[in-house]
């Protein structure tokens, strides 16, 4: 099962680690993981588009989704810059999920 780390493209903080996001990691795509995170944290409806990770460079609202290696410790403080830097270094960017408010 893939484990994803979800980073907010606008704030630069890590908002979710699917190691413990409403249960254990699941067999899902980066897009499905983002939708699951948003369903737990937002009341507004959004539309989603999964793109290549490089699409995050254009400062669009969305999430950069990383695939975490098995030995990566659970992310506990997604605002700590050292934690963010270590995740970016240890993980592979899998997708950018652009979101739009409906």
Protein backbone atom coordinates (compact mmCIF):
# COMPACT_ATOMS: atom_id res chain seq x y z
CA UNK A 1 0.00 0.00 0.00
CA UNK A 2 1.36 3.41 -0.82
CA UNK A 3 1.84 5.83 2.02
CA UNK A 4 1.44 9.45 1.04
CA UNK A 5 2.58 12.69 2.61
CA UNK A 6 0.38 15.60 1.53
CA UNK A 7 1.91 19.07 1.43
CA UNK A 8 -0.17 22.21 0.95
CA UNK A 9 1.17 24.01 -2.11
CA UNK A 10 0.28 27.49 -0.81
CA UNK A 11 1.39 27.31 2.83
CA UNK A 12 4.24 24.85 2.30
CA UNK A 13 3.20 22.84 5.36
CA UNK A 14 2.51 19.13 5.57
CA UNK A 15 -1.19 18.65 6.17
CA UNK A 16 -1.48 14.85 6.23
CA UNK A 17 0.41 11.60 6.46
CA UNK A 18 -1.73 8.68 5.32
CA UNK A 19 0.09 6.44 7.78
CA UNK A 20 -2.63 7.60 10.17
CA UNK A 21 -5.32 9.44 8.22
CA UNK A 22 -8.72 8.12 9.23
CA UNK A 23 -7.19 4.67 9.59
CA UNK A 24 -4.11 3.01 8.08
CA UNK A 25 -2.78 3.56 4.54
CA UNK A 26 -5.06 2.25 1.82
CA UNK A 27 -4.71 1.15 -1.75
CA UNK A 28 -5.46 4.54 -3.31
CA UNK A 29 -4.14 7.09 -5.76
CA UNK A 30 -2.72 10.47 -4.73
CA UNK A 31 -6.01 12.05 -5.87
CA UNK A 32 -8.04 9.69 -3.69
CA UNK A 33 -5.80 10.42 -0.69
CA UNK A 34 -6.31 14.17 -1.11
CA UNK A 35 -10.06 13.74 -1.41
CA UNK A 36 -10.04 11.65 1.76
CA UNK A 37 -8.06 14.34 3.60
CA UNK A 38 -10.36 17.12 2.38
CA UNK A 39 -13.47 15.13 3.33
CA UNK A 40 -12.18 15.01 6.92
CA UNK A 41 -11.22 18.68 7.13
CA UNK A 42 -13.52 20.73 4.88
CA UNK A 43 -17.21 21.34 4.55
CA UNK A 44 -17.01 23.00 1.13
CA UNK A 45 -17.08 20.99 -2.06
CA UNK A 46 -14.11 21.12 -4.39
CA UNK A 47 -13.17 19.84 -7.80
CA UNK A 48 -9.86 18.04 -8.27
CA UNK A 49 -7.38 17.43 -11.05
CA UNK A 50 -4.33 15.19 -10.69
CA UNK A 51 -1.30 16.51 -12.57
CA UNK A 52 2.44 16.01 -12.83
CA UNK A 53 4.28 17.18 -9.67
CA UNK A 54 5.94 20.00 -11.62
CA UNK A 55 2.53 21.71 -11.96
CA UNK A 56 2.97 22.83 -8.33
CA UNK A 57 5.57 25.35 -9.45
CA UNK A 58 2.88 27.71 -10.72
CA UNK A 59 1.58 28.54 -7.19
CA UNK A 60 -1.88 27.11 -7.84
CA UNK A 61 -4.11 26.05 -4.96
CA UNK A 62 -3.57 22.36 -4.34
CA UNK A 63 -1.40 19.70 -2.77
CA UNK A 64 1.93 18.12 -3.62
CA UNK A 65 1.63 14.42 -2.83
CA UNK A 66 4.78 12.48 -1.95
CA UNK A 67 5.24 8.72 -1.72
CA UNK A 68 6.93 7.92 1.59
CA UNK A 69 9.44 5.11 2.05
CA UNK A 70 8.57 2.43 4.61
CA UNK A 71 11.21 3.62 7.09
CA UNK A 72 10.09 7.27 7.21
CA UNK A 73 8.91 8.17 10.73
CA UNK A 74 5.32 9.34 11.06
CA UNK A 75 5.04 13.07 10.44
CA UNK A 76 3.93 14.68 13.69
CA UNK A 77 4.68 18.38 13.07
CA UNK A 78 3.90 19.40 9.52
CA UNK A 79 4.85 23.02 10.21
CA UNK A 80 8.42 22.31 11.35
CA UNK A 81 10.70 23.31 8.46
CA UNK A 82 13.27 20.61 9.31
CA UNK A 83 10.54 17.96 9.12
CA UNK A 84 9.26 19.38 5.82
CA UNK A 85 12.78 19.45 4.37
CA UNK A 86 13.46 15.87 5.46
CA UNK A 87 10.21 14.65 3.88
CA UNK A 88 10.98 16.39 0.59
CA UNK A 89 14.46 14.87 0.60
CA UNK A 90 13.36 11.33 1.56
CA UNK A 91 10.22 11.05 -0.55
CA UNK A 92 9.40 11.05 -4.25
CA UNK A 93 6.86 13.54 -5.54
CA UNK A 94 4.04 11.46 -7.02
CA UNK A 95 1.54 14.09 -8.13
CA UNK A 96 0.19 17.56 -7.79
CA UNK A 97 -3.52 17.64 -7.05
CA UNK A 98 -5.03 20.97 -8.05
CA UNK A 99 -8.19 21.93 -6.20
CA UNK A 100 -10.88 24.47 -7.01
CA UNK A 101 -13.68 25.68 -4.81
CA UNK A 102 -17.13 24.97 -6.26
